[in-house]
Amino acid sequence: SSHLTLEEGHRNLRRCRCRCICLGAMSASQVAAIASLEGELDNTIADYNECLDTIWMLICAMLVFFMHAGFTLLESGSVRFKNTQNILAKNVIVVTVGFLCWYVVGYPCALGANEKSSLFLGHTNFAMDGFWDEKSSFRIWFFQGCFCATGATIVSGSMAERTKLAGFVTFTVLMTSVIYPVVVYWGWSGAGIFNYTEGGVAKSIVGAPLIDFAGSGIVHLVGGIGALVGAIAVGPRAGRWDPSKDSEFEGHSIPFCVLGTFFLFFGWYGFNP
């Protein structure tokens, strides 16, 4: 309602000035004073809109970040008790190491586009360089960083109980520094091979541009393919398909699985805003 009041006040101020000028009822100083008020009102509306955008993106980003709690519960409840500590460590590694890689290399490769960028990869804003010149970049960095970490977490579940921490750390670094950011650049940067502008027309190298309506298609594409490749590479757990050992592979905590599902359900409202 306050936003509508600002907009209506701005329009009314313009109408008043135009009428007074037409009737010759205003002096030059009065016209200048109203113009100054209009400028202040423009700045107030711009600040208000910026605050709304920032709050909206931070809420969505925090919901996506909270999804990692859901992944942690779901994955730890689905594995055997002896592997719980391993899966918990992997989920912490995804968020910590993943965000560090996103900070240094991932974001520049994913969204560091400018007029000199190629169709393949971004190359600006390393380690948040230039963010203070365009402060809205901070909220975009955090929001997209949560998505990046999510893509790596998807893979951790597909290789649960079969991957050492050292190998998973290596994968996380590659995923959050190169693999995921490159695909994000192709589809979301506005300058990549799946969606770029040429001659004022949006296009891709195959014709029509990619439009990711929900905003999560690329995350699931990269995470899903990574999970499939990882599962094929490590294979099933030893004895997993032996009928006599079925009971040995049951998840150790159904409540964890259910709670994790609810946490993920809640986080999806930020994942697909």
C-alpha atoms as a PDB file:
ATOM      1  CA  SER A   1       0.000   0.000   0.000  1.00  0.00           C
ATOM      2  CA  SER A   2       2.867   2.382   0.774  1.00  0.00           C
ATOM      3  CA  HIS A   3       4.321   1.629  -2.668  1.00  0.00           C
ATOM      4  CA  LEU A   4       1.002   2.601  -4.307  1.00  0.00           C
ATOM      5  CA  THR A   5       0.885   5.779  -2.219  1.00  0.00           C
ATOM      6  CA  LEU A   6       4.344   6.798  -3.454  1.00  0.00           C
ATOM      7  CA  GLU A   7       3.424   6.114  -7.073  1.00  0.00           C
ATOM      8  CA  GLU A   8       0.100   7.970  -6.773  1.00  0.00           C
ATOM      9  CA  GLY A   9       1.792  10.906  -5.077  1.00  0.00           C
ATOM     10  CA  HIS A  10       4.323  11.068  -7.886  1.00  0.00           C
ATOM     11  CA  ARG A  11       1.618  11.097 -10.543  1.00  0.00           C
ATOM     12  CA  ASN A  12      -0.429  13.711  -8.690  1.00  0.00           C
ATOM     13  CA  LEU A  13       2.616  15.945  -8.335  1.00  0.00           C
ATOM     14  CA  ARG A  14       3.262  15.782 -12.070  1.00  0.00           C
ATOM     15  CA  ARG A  15      -0.391  16.551 -12.889  1.00  0.00           C
ATOM     16  CA  CYS A  16      -0.382  19.516 -10.523  1.00  0.00           C
ATOM     17  CA  ARG A  17       2.771  20.956 -12.076  1.00  0.00           C
ATOM     18  CA  CYS A  18       1.476  20.537 -15.613  1.00  0.00           C
ATOM     19  CA  ARG A  19      -1.840  22.215 -14.807  1.00  0.00           C
ATOM     20  CA  CYS A  20      -0.206  25.124 -13.037  1.00  0.00           C
ATOM     21  CA  ILE A  21       2.254  25.669 -15.874  1.00  0.00           C
ATOM     22  CA  CYS A  22      -0.582  25.610 -18.417  1.00  0.00           C
ATOM     23  CA  LEU A  23      -2.534  28.180 -16.396  1.00  0.00           C
ATOM     24  CA  GLY A  24       0.547  30.328 -15.858  1.00  0.00           C
ATOM     25  CA  ALA A  25       0.035  30.167 -12.104  1.00  0.00           C
ATOM     26  CA  MET A  26       3.601  29.231 -11.114  1.00  0.00           C
ATOM     27  CA  SER A  27       6.812  31.175 -10.924  1.00  0.00           C
ATOM     28  CA  ALA A  28      10.147  29.771 -12.097  1.00  0.00           C
ATOM     29  CA  SER A  29      11.235  29.160  -8.511  1.00  0.00           C
ATOM     30  CA  GLN A  30       8.060  27.207  -7.783  1.00  0.00           C
ATOM     31  CA  VAL A  31       8.565  25.061 -10.878  1.00  0.00           C
ATOM     32  CA  ALA A  32      12.153  24.343  -9.780  1.00  0.00           C
ATOM     33  CA  ALA A  33      10.968  23.443  -6.258  1.00  0.00           C
ATOM     34  CA  ILE A  34       8.410  20.963  -7.597  1.00  0.00           C
ATOM     35  CA  ALA A  35      11.007  19.484  -9.969  1.00  0.00           C
ATOM     36  CA  SER A  36      13.297  19.001  -6.965  1.00  0.00           C
ATOM     37  CA  LEU A  37      10.507  17.249  -5.063  1.00  0.00           C
ATOM     38  CA  GLU A  38       9.886  14.998  -8.056  1.00  0.00           C
ATOM     39  CA  GLY A  39      13.563  14.049  -8.090  1.00  0.00           C
ATOM     40  CA  GLU A  40      13.499  13.186  -4.384  1.00  0.00           C
ATOM     41  CA  LEU A  41      10.329  11.140  -4.883  1.00  0.00           C
ATOM     42  CA  ASP A  42      11.957   9.272  -7.790  1.00  0.00           C
ATOM     43  CA  ASN A  43      14.914   8.386  -5.565  1.00  0.00           C
ATOM     44  CA  THR A  44      12.599   7.264  -2.749  1.00  0.00           C
ATOM     45  CA  ILE A  45      10.655   4.976  -5.094  1.00  0.00           C
ATOM     46  CA  ALA A  46      13.894   3.536  -6.502  1.00  0.00           C
ATOM     47  CA  ASP A  47      15.225   2.861  -2.983  1.00  0.00           C
ATOM     48  CA  TYR A  48      11.924   1.274  -2.002  1.00  0.00           C
ATOM     49  CA  ASN A  49      11.961  -1.031  -5.033  1.00  0.00           C
ATOM     50  CA  GLU A  50      15.579  -1.969  -4.351  1.00  0.00           C
ATOM     51  CA  CYS A  51      14.711  -2.894  -0.768  1.00  0.00           C
ATOM     52  CA  LEU A  52      11.795  -5.059  -1.903  1.00  0.00           C
ATOM     53  CA  ASP A  53      13.977  -6.853  -4.468  1.00  0.00           C
ATOM     54  CA  THR A  54      16.687  -7.485  -1.875  1.00  0.00           C
ATOM     55  CA  ILE A  55      14.275  -8.771   0.777  1.00  0.00           C
ATOM     56  CA  TRP A  56      12.531 -11.050  -1.731  1.00  0.00           C
ATOM     57  CA  MET A  57      15.771 -12.572  -3.001  1.00  0.00           C
ATOM     58  CA  LEU A  58      17.218 -13.013   0.500  1.00  0.00           C
ATOM     59  CA  ILE A  59      14.091 -14.827   1.690  1.00  0.00           C
ATOM     60  CA  CYS A  60      14.199 -17.146  -1.324  1.00  0.00           C
ATOM     61  CA  ALA A  61      17.945 -17.688  -0.899  1.00  0.00           C
ATOM     62  CA  MET A  62      17.546 -18.570   2.782  1.00  0.00           C
ATOM     63  CA  LEU A  63      14.820 -21.072   1.907  1.00  0.00           C
ATOM     64  CA  VAL A  64      17.120 -22.694  -0.652  1.00  0.00           C
ATOM     65  CA  PHE A  65      19.961 -22.683   1.877  1.00  0.00           C
ATOM     66  CA  PHE A  66      17.641 -24.357   4.402  1.00  0.00           C
ATOM     67  CA  MET A  67      17.116 -27.168   1.898  1.00  0.00           C
ATOM     68  CA  HIS A  68      20.606 -28.398   2.786  1.00  0.00           C
ATOM     69  CA  ALA A  69      19.241 -29.286   6.223  1.00  0.00           C
ATOM     70  CA  GLY A  70      16.596 -31.317   4.427  1.00  0.00           C
ATOM     71  CA  PHE A  71      19.145 -33.064   2.223  1.00  0.00           C
ATOM     72  CA  THR A  72      21.246 -33.830   5.283  1.00  0.00           C
ATOM     73  CA  LEU A  73      18.367 -35.412   7.205  1.00  0.00           C
ATOM     74  CA  LEU A  74      17.025 -37.328   4.219  1.00  0.00           C
ATOM     75  CA  GLU A  75      20.393 -38.729   3.176  1.00  0.00           C
ATOM     76  CA  SER A  76      21.579 -39.566   6.690  1.00  0.00           C
ATOM     77  CA  GLY A  77      18.304 -41.310   7.464  1.00  0.00           C
ATOM     78  CA  SER A  78      18.483 -43.337   4.245  1.00  0.00           C
ATOM     79  CA  VAL A  79      21.943 -44.805   4.884  1.00  0.00           C
ATOM     80  CA  ARG A  80      23.141 -47.305   7.456  1.00  0.00           C
ATOM     81  CA  PHE A  81      24.102 -45.924  10.853  1.00  0.00           C
ATOM     82  CA  LYS A  82      27.798 -46.643  10.330  1.00  0.00           C
ATOM     83  CA  ASN A  83      27.858 -44.236   7.354  1.00  0.00           C
ATOM     84  CA  THR A  84      25.937 -41.382   8.996  1.00  0.00           C
ATOM     85  CA  GLN A  85      29.017 -39.355   9.908  1.00  0.00           C
ATOM     86  CA  ASN A  86      30.345 -39.640   6.361  1.00  0.00           C
ATOM     87  CA  ILE A  87      27.152 -38.337   4.755  1.00  0.00           C
ATOM     88  CA  LEU A  88      26.878 -35.501   7.291  1.00  0.00           C
ATOM     89  CA  ALA A  89      30.448 -34.424   6.546  1.00  0.00           C
ATOM     90  CA  LYS A  90      29.734 -34.423   2.806  1.00  0.00           C
ATOM     91  CA  ASN A  91      26.750 -32.107   3.204  1.00  0.00           C
ATOM     92  CA  VAL A  92      28.818 -29.686   5.282  1.00  0.00           C
ATOM     93  CA  ILE A  93      31.611 -29.819   2.681  1.00  0.00           C
ATOM     94  CA  VAL A  94      29.186 -28.982  -0.118  1.00  0.00           C
ATOM     95  CA  VAL A  95      28.101 -25.763   1.593  1.00  0.00           C
ATOM     96  CA  THR A  96      31.494 -24.626   2.902  1.00  0.00           C
ATOM     97  CA  VAL A  97      33.891 -25.655   0.134  1.00  0.00           C
ATOM     98  CA  GLY A  98      31.218 -25.110  -2.503  1.00  0.00           C
ATOM     99  CA  PHE A  99      30.593 -21.501  -1.498  1.00  0.00           C
ATOM    100  CA  LEU A 100      34.325 -20.753  -1.369  1.00  0.00           C
ATOM    101  CA  CYS A 101      34.737 -22.071  -4.907  1.00  0.00           C
ATOM    102  CA  TRP A 102      31.664 -20.108  -6.019  1.00  0.00           C
ATOM    103  CA  TYR A 103      33.187 -16.967  -4.480  1.00  0.00           C
ATOM    104  CA  VAL A 104      36.553 -17.257  -6.203  1.00  0.00           C
ATOM    105  CA  VAL A 105      35.816 -18.889  -9.565  1.00  0.00           C
ATOM    106  CA  GLY A 106      32.248 -20.170  -9.856  1.00  0.00           C
ATOM    107  CA  TYR A 107      30.318 -16.898  -9.995  1.00  0.00           C
ATOM    108  CA  PRO A 108      32.683 -15.249 -12.508  1.00  0.00           C
ATOM    109  CA  CYS A 109      32.384 -18.252 -14.821  1.00  0.00           C
ATOM    110  CA  ALA A 110      28.603 -18.456 -14.387  1.00  0.00           C
ATOM    111  CA  LEU A 111      27.413 -14.847 -14.432  1.00  0.00           C
ATOM    112  CA  GLY A 112      30.490 -12.721 -15.108  1.00  0.00           C
ATOM    113  CA  ALA A 113      29.307 -11.576 -18.524  1.00  0.00           C
ATOM    114  CA  ASN A 114      30.019  -8.260 -20.216  1.00  0.00           C
ATOM    115  CA  GLU A 115      30.107  -6.874 -23.759  1.00  0.00           C
ATOM    116  CA  LYS A 116      33.373  -8.725 -24.467  1.00  0.00           C
ATOM    117  CA  SER A 117      32.229 -12.123 -23.141  1.00  0.00           C
ATOM    118  CA  SER A 118      32.217 -15.226 -25.296  1.00  0.00           C
ATOM    119  CA  LEU A 119      29.265 -17.557 -25.711  1.00  0.00           C
ATOM    120  CA  PHE A 120      30.992 -20.212 -23.633  1.00  0.00           C
ATOM    121  CA  LEU A 121      32.251 -18.754 -20.348  1.00  0.00           C
ATOM    122  CA  GLY A 122      32.175 -15.630 -18.175  1.00  0.00           C
ATOM    123  CA  HIS A 123      35.339 -13.910 -17.022  1.00  0.00           C
ATOM    124  CA  THR A 124      34.545 -10.982 -14.698  1.00  0.00           C
ATOM    125  CA  ASN A 125      33.833 -10.382 -10.977  1.00  0.00           C
ATOM    126  CA  PHE A 126      36.416 -12.823  -9.616  1.00  0.00           C
ATOM    127  CA  ALA A 127      36.233 -12.878  -5.794  1.00  0.00           C
ATOM    128  CA  MET A 128      33.388 -10.300  -5.915  1.00  0.00           C
ATOM    129  CA  ASP A 129      35.494  -7.775  -7.804  1.00  0.00           C
ATOM    130  CA  GLY A 130      33.305  -4.814  -8.805  1.00  0.00           C
ATOM    131  CA  PHE A 131      30.385  -5.730  -6.544  1.00  0.00           C
ATOM    132  CA  TRP A 132      30.544  -2.419  -4.665  1.00  0.00           C
ATOM    133  CA  ASP A 133      29.920  -0.623  -7.950  1.00  0.00           C
ATOM    134  CA  GLU A 134      26.706  -2.608  -8.438  1.00  0.00           C
ATOM    135  CA  LYS A 135      25.499  -3.616  -4.978  1.00  0.00           C
ATOM    136  CA  SER A 136      22.590  -5.710  -6.284  1.00  0.00           C
ATOM    137  CA  SER A 137      25.277  -8.234  -7.280  1.00  0.00           C
ATOM    138  CA  PHE A 138      25.625  -9.278  -3.630  1.00  0.00           C
ATOM    139  CA  ARG A 139      22.091 -10.644  -3.417  1.00  0.00           C
ATOM    140  CA  ILE A 140      22.393 -12.363  -6.783  1.00  0.00           C
ATOM    141  CA  TRP A 141      25.690 -13.943  -5.691  1.00  0.00           C
ATOM    142  CA  PHE A 142      24.150 -15.386  -2.522  1.00  0.00           C
ATOM    143  CA  PHE A 143      20.976 -16.625  -4.216  1.00  0.00           C
ATOM    144  CA  GLN A 144      22.819 -18.293  -7.088  1.00  0.00           C
ATOM    145  CA  GLY A 145      25.459 -19.675  -4.707  1.00  0.00           C
ATOM    146  CA  CYS A 146      22.745 -21.570  -2.827  1.00  0.00           C
ATOM    147  CA  PHE A 147      21.637 -23.107  -6.127  1.00  0.00           C
ATOM    148  CA  CYS A 148      25.209 -24.057  -6.975  1.00  0.00           C
ATOM    149  CA  ALA A 149      25.694 -25.903  -3.684  1.00  0.00           C
ATOM    150  CA  THR A 150      22.373 -27.677  -4.208  1.00  0.00           C
ATOM    151  CA  GLY A 151      23.563 -29.062  -7.534  1.00  0.00           C
ATOM    152  CA  ALA A 152      26.523 -30.706  -5.793  1.00  0.00           C
ATOM    153  CA  THR A 153      24.353 -32.048  -2.963  1.00  0.00           C
ATOM    154  CA  ILE A 154      22.136 -33.918  -5.426  1.00  0.00           C
ATOM    155  CA  VAL A 155      25.175 -35.952  -6.442  1.00  0.00           C
ATOM    156  CA  SER A 156      26.194 -36.795  -2.876  1.00  0.00           C
ATOM    157  CA  GLY A 157      23.006 -38.765  -2.327  1.00  0.00           C
ATOM    158  CA  SER A 158      23.422 -40.846  -5.476  1.00  0.00           C
ATOM    159  CA  MET A 159      26.855 -42.065  -4.339  1.00  0.00           C
ATOM    160  CA  ALA A 160      26.072 -42.459  -0.632  1.00  0.00           C
ATOM    161  CA  GLU A 161      28.095 -45.087   1.241  1.00  0.00           C
ATOM    162  CA  ARG A 162      30.429 -45.595  -1.727  1.00  0.00           C
ATOM    163  CA  THR A 163      32.587 -42.477  -1.892  1.00  0.00           C
ATOM    164  CA  LYS A 164      35.497 -41.394   0.311  1.00  0.00           C
ATOM    165  CA  LEU A 165      35.605 -37.829   1.590  1.00  0.00           C
ATOM    166  CA  ALA A 166      38.779 -36.974  -0.355  1.00  0.00           C
ATOM    167  CA  GLY A 167      37.150 -37.999  -3.637  1.00  0.00           C
ATOM    168  CA  PHE A 168      33.963 -36.116  -2.858  1.00  0.00           C
ATOM    169  CA  VAL A 169      35.868 -32.936  -1.971  1.00  0.00           C
ATOM    170  CA  THR A 170      37.621 -33.121  -5.343  1.00  0.00           C
ATOM    171  CA  PHE A 171      34.291 -33.539  -7.093  1.00  0.00           C
ATOM    172  CA  THR A 172      32.736 -30.636  -5.135  1.00  0.00           C
ATOM    173  CA  VAL A 173      35.553 -28.303  -6.173  1.00  0.00           C
ATOM    174  CA  LEU A 174      35.144 -29.252  -9.844  1.00  0.00           C
ATOM    175  CA  MET A 175      31.360 -29.076  -9.711  1.00  0.00           C
ATOM    176  CA  THR A 176      31.093 -25.657  -8.065  1.00  0.00           C
ATOM    177  CA  SER A 177      34.079 -24.094  -9.861  1.00  0.00           C
ATOM    178  CA  VAL A 178      33.681 -25.300 -13.440  1.00  0.00           C
ATOM    179  CA  ILE A 179      30.967 -27.826 -14.316  1.00  0.00           C
ATOM    180  CA  TYR A 180      27.880 -26.132 -12.896  1.00  0.00           C
ATOM    181  CA  PRO A 181      29.014 -22.522 -13.565  1.00  0.00           C
ATOM    182  CA  VAL A 182      29.691 -23.214 -17.252  1.00  0.00           C
ATOM    183  CA  VAL A 183      26.195 -24.612 -17.806  1.00  0.00           C
ATOM    184  CA  VAL A 184      24.668 -21.716 -15.854  1.00  0.00           C
ATOM    185  CA  TYR A 185      26.495 -19.288 -18.125  1.00  0.00           C
ATOM    186  CA  TRP A 186      25.101 -21.047 -21.182  1.00  0.00           C
ATOM    187  CA  GLY A 187      21.506 -20.727 -19.990  1.00  0.00           C
ATOM    188  CA  TRP A 188      21.107 -17.971 -17.391  1.00  0.00           C
ATOM    189  CA  SER A 189      23.726 -15.303 -18.063  1.00  0.00           C
ATOM    190  CA  GLY A 190      21.976 -13.850 -21.094  1.00  0.00           C
ATOM    191  CA  ALA A 191      25.202 -14.188 -23.073  1.00  0.00           C
ATOM    192  CA  GLY A 192      25.640 -17.971 -23.334  1.00  0.00           C
ATOM    193  CA  ILE A 193      25.048 -20.416 -26.165  1.00  0.00           C
ATOM    194  CA  PHE A 194      21.475 -21.255 -25.094  1.00  0.00           C
ATOM    195  CA  ASN A 195      20.266 -17.685 -24.581  1.00  0.00           C
ATOM    196  CA  TYR A 196      22.003 -14.603 -25.968  1.00  0.00           C
ATOM    197  CA  THR A 197      20.975 -11.436 -27.766  1.00  0.00           C
ATOM    198  CA  GLU A 198      22.033 -10.570 -31.294  1.00  0.00           C
ATOM    199  CA  GLY A 199      20.651  -7.595 -33.174  1.00  0.00           C
ATOM    200  CA  GLY A 200      18.145  -7.011 -30.388  1.00  0.00           C
ATOM    201  CA  VAL A 201      16.711 -10.536 -30.749  1.00  0.00           C
ATOM    202  CA  ALA A 202      17.072 -13.310 -28.164  1.00  0.00           C
ATOM    203  CA  LYS A 203      18.316 -16.575 -29.666  1.00  0.00           C
ATOM    204  CA  SER A 204      20.471 -19.654 -29.109  1.00  0.00           C
ATOM    205  CA  ILE A 205      22.906 -21.585 -31.262  1.00  0.00           C
ATOM    206  CA  VAL A 206      20.077 -23.964 -32.200  1.00  0.00           C
ATOM    207  CA  GLY A 207      17.376 -21.345 -32.838  1.00  0.00           C
ATOM    208  CA  ALA A 208      14.895 -20.297 -30.146  1.00  0.00           C
ATOM    209  CA  PRO A 209      16.400 -19.246 -26.800  1.00  0.00           C
ATOM    210  CA  LEU A 210      16.182 -21.367 -23.669  1.00  0.00           C
ATOM    211  CA  ILE A 211      13.602 -20.122 -21.164  1.00  0.00           C
ATOM    212  CA  ASP A 212      13.904 -21.761 -17.752  1.00  0.00           C
ATOM    213  CA  PHE A 213      10.482 -20.833 -16.400  1.00  0.00           C
ATOM    214  CA  ALA A 214      10.826 -22.288 -12.899  1.00  0.00           C
ATOM    215  CA  GLY A 215      14.432 -21.170 -12.580  1.00  0.00           C
ATOM    216  CA  SER A 216      15.649 -24.585 -11.477  1.00  0.00           C
ATOM    217  CA  GLY A 217      15.928 -26.556 -14.706  1.00  0.00           C
ATOM    218  CA  ILE A 218      19.669 -26.088 -15.001  1.00  0.00           C
ATOM    219  CA  VAL A 219      20.249 -27.129 -11.378  1.00  0.00           C
ATOM    220  CA  HIS A 220      18.435 -30.419 -11.878  1.00  0.00           C
ATOM    221  CA  LEU A 221      19.954 -30.956 -15.308  1.00  0.00           C
ATOM    222  CA  VAL A 222      23.525 -30.646 -14.042  1.00  0.00           C
ATOM    223  CA  GLY A 223      22.904 -32.303 -10.682  1.00  0.00           C
ATOM    224  CA  GLY A 224      20.900 -35.143 -12.227  1.00  0.00           C
ATOM    225  CA  ILE A 225      23.464 -35.925 -14.895  1.00  0.00           C
ATOM    226  CA  GLY A 226      26.257 -35.698 -12.314  1.00  0.00           C
ATOM    227  CA  ALA A 227      24.342 -38.101 -10.054  1.00  0.00           C
ATOM    228  CA  LEU A 228      23.802 -40.562 -12.913  1.00  0.00           C
ATOM    229  CA  VAL A 229      27.464 -40.479 -13.962  1.00  0.00           C
ATOM    230  CA  GLY A 230      28.590 -40.850 -10.345  1.00  0.00           C
ATOM    231  CA  ALA A 231      26.270 -43.782  -9.671  1.00  0.00           C
ATOM    232  CA  ILE A 232      27.473 -45.549 -12.805  1.00  0.00           C
ATOM    233  CA  ALA A 233      31.108 -44.886 -11.930  1.00  0.00           C
ATOM    234  CA  VAL A 234      30.999 -46.218  -8.360  1.00  0.00           C
ATOM    235  CA  GLY A 235      28.432 -48.935  -9.007  1.00  0.00           C
ATOM    236  CA  PRO A 236      26.096 -50.481  -6.407  1.00  0.00           C
ATOM    237  CA  ARG A 237      27.104 -51.189  -2.826  1.00  0.00           C
ATOM    238  CA  ALA A 238      28.714 -54.599  -2.337  1.00  0.00           C
ATOM    239  CA  GLY A 239      25.975 -57.158  -1.852  1.00  0.00           C
ATOM    240  CA  ARG A 240      23.190 -54.643  -2.500  1.00  0.00           C
ATOM    241  CA  TRP A 241      21.296 -56.950  -4.869  1.00  0.00           C
ATOM    242  CA  ASP A 242      21.859 -60.144  -2.885  1.00  0.00           C
ATOM    243  CA  PRO A 243      18.354 -61.201  -1.687  1.00  0.00           C
ATOM    244  CA  SER A 244      19.818 -62.671   1.472  1.00  0.00           C
ATOM    245  CA  LYS A 245      21.240 -59.264   2.493  1.00  0.00           C
ATOM    246  CA  ASP A 246      18.252 -57.002   1.797  1.00  0.00           C
ATOM    247  CA  SER A 247      17.726 -56.133   5.442  1.00  0.00           C
ATOM    248  CA  GLU A 248      21.333 -54.974   5.804  1.00  0.00           C
ATOM    249  CA  PHE A 249      20.739 -51.975   3.537  1.00  0.00           C
ATOM    250  CA  GLU A 250      17.657 -50.488   5.163  1.00  0.00           C
ATOM    251  CA  GLY A 251      17.868 -46.833   6.153  1.00  0.00           C
ATOM    252  CA  HIS A 252      18.552 -46.460   9.853  1.00  0.00           C
ATOM    253  CA  SER A 253      16.055 -43.625  10.578  1.00  0.00           C
ATOM    254  CA  ILE A 254      12.661 -43.218   8.940  1.00  0.00           C
ATOM    255  CA  PRO A 255      11.883 -40.094  11.048  1.00  0.00           C
ATOM    256  CA  PHE A 256      14.992 -38.404   9.591  1.00  0.00           C
ATOM    257  CA  CYS A 257      13.774 -39.216   6.084  1.00  0.00           C
ATOM    258  CA  VAL A 258      10.312 -37.765   6.745  1.00  0.00           C
ATOM    259  CA  LEU A 259      11.643 -34.636   8.458  1.00  0.00           C
ATOM    260  CA  GLY A 260      14.141 -34.125   5.637  1.00  0.00           C
ATOM    261  CA  THR A 261      11.327 -34.398   3.100  1.00  0.00           C
ATOM    262  CA  PHE A 262       9.317 -31.714   4.917  1.00  0.00           C
ATOM    263  CA  PHE A 263      12.370 -29.445   5.086  1.00  0.00           C
ATOM    264  CA  LEU A 264      12.905 -29.864   1.351  1.00  0.00           C
ATOM    265  CA  PHE A 265       9.210 -29.267   0.704  1.00  0.00           C
ATOM    266  CA  PHE A 266       9.446 -25.984   2.607  1.00  0.00           C
ATOM    267  CA  GLY A 267      12.629 -24.952   0.799  1.00  0.00           C
ATOM    268  CA  TRP A 268      11.102 -25.546  -2.618  1.00  0.00           C
ATOM    269  CA  TYR A 269       9.014 -22.405  -2.172  1.00  0.00           C
ATOM    270  CA  GLY A 270      12.254 -20.471  -2.430  1.00  0.00           C
ATOM    271  CA  PHE A 271      13.714 -22.775  -5.072  1.00  0.00           C
ATOM    272  CA  ASN A 272      10.905 -22.019  -7.540  1.00  0.00           C
ATOM    273  CA  PRO A 273       9.729 -18.502  -6.566  1.00  0.00           C
END
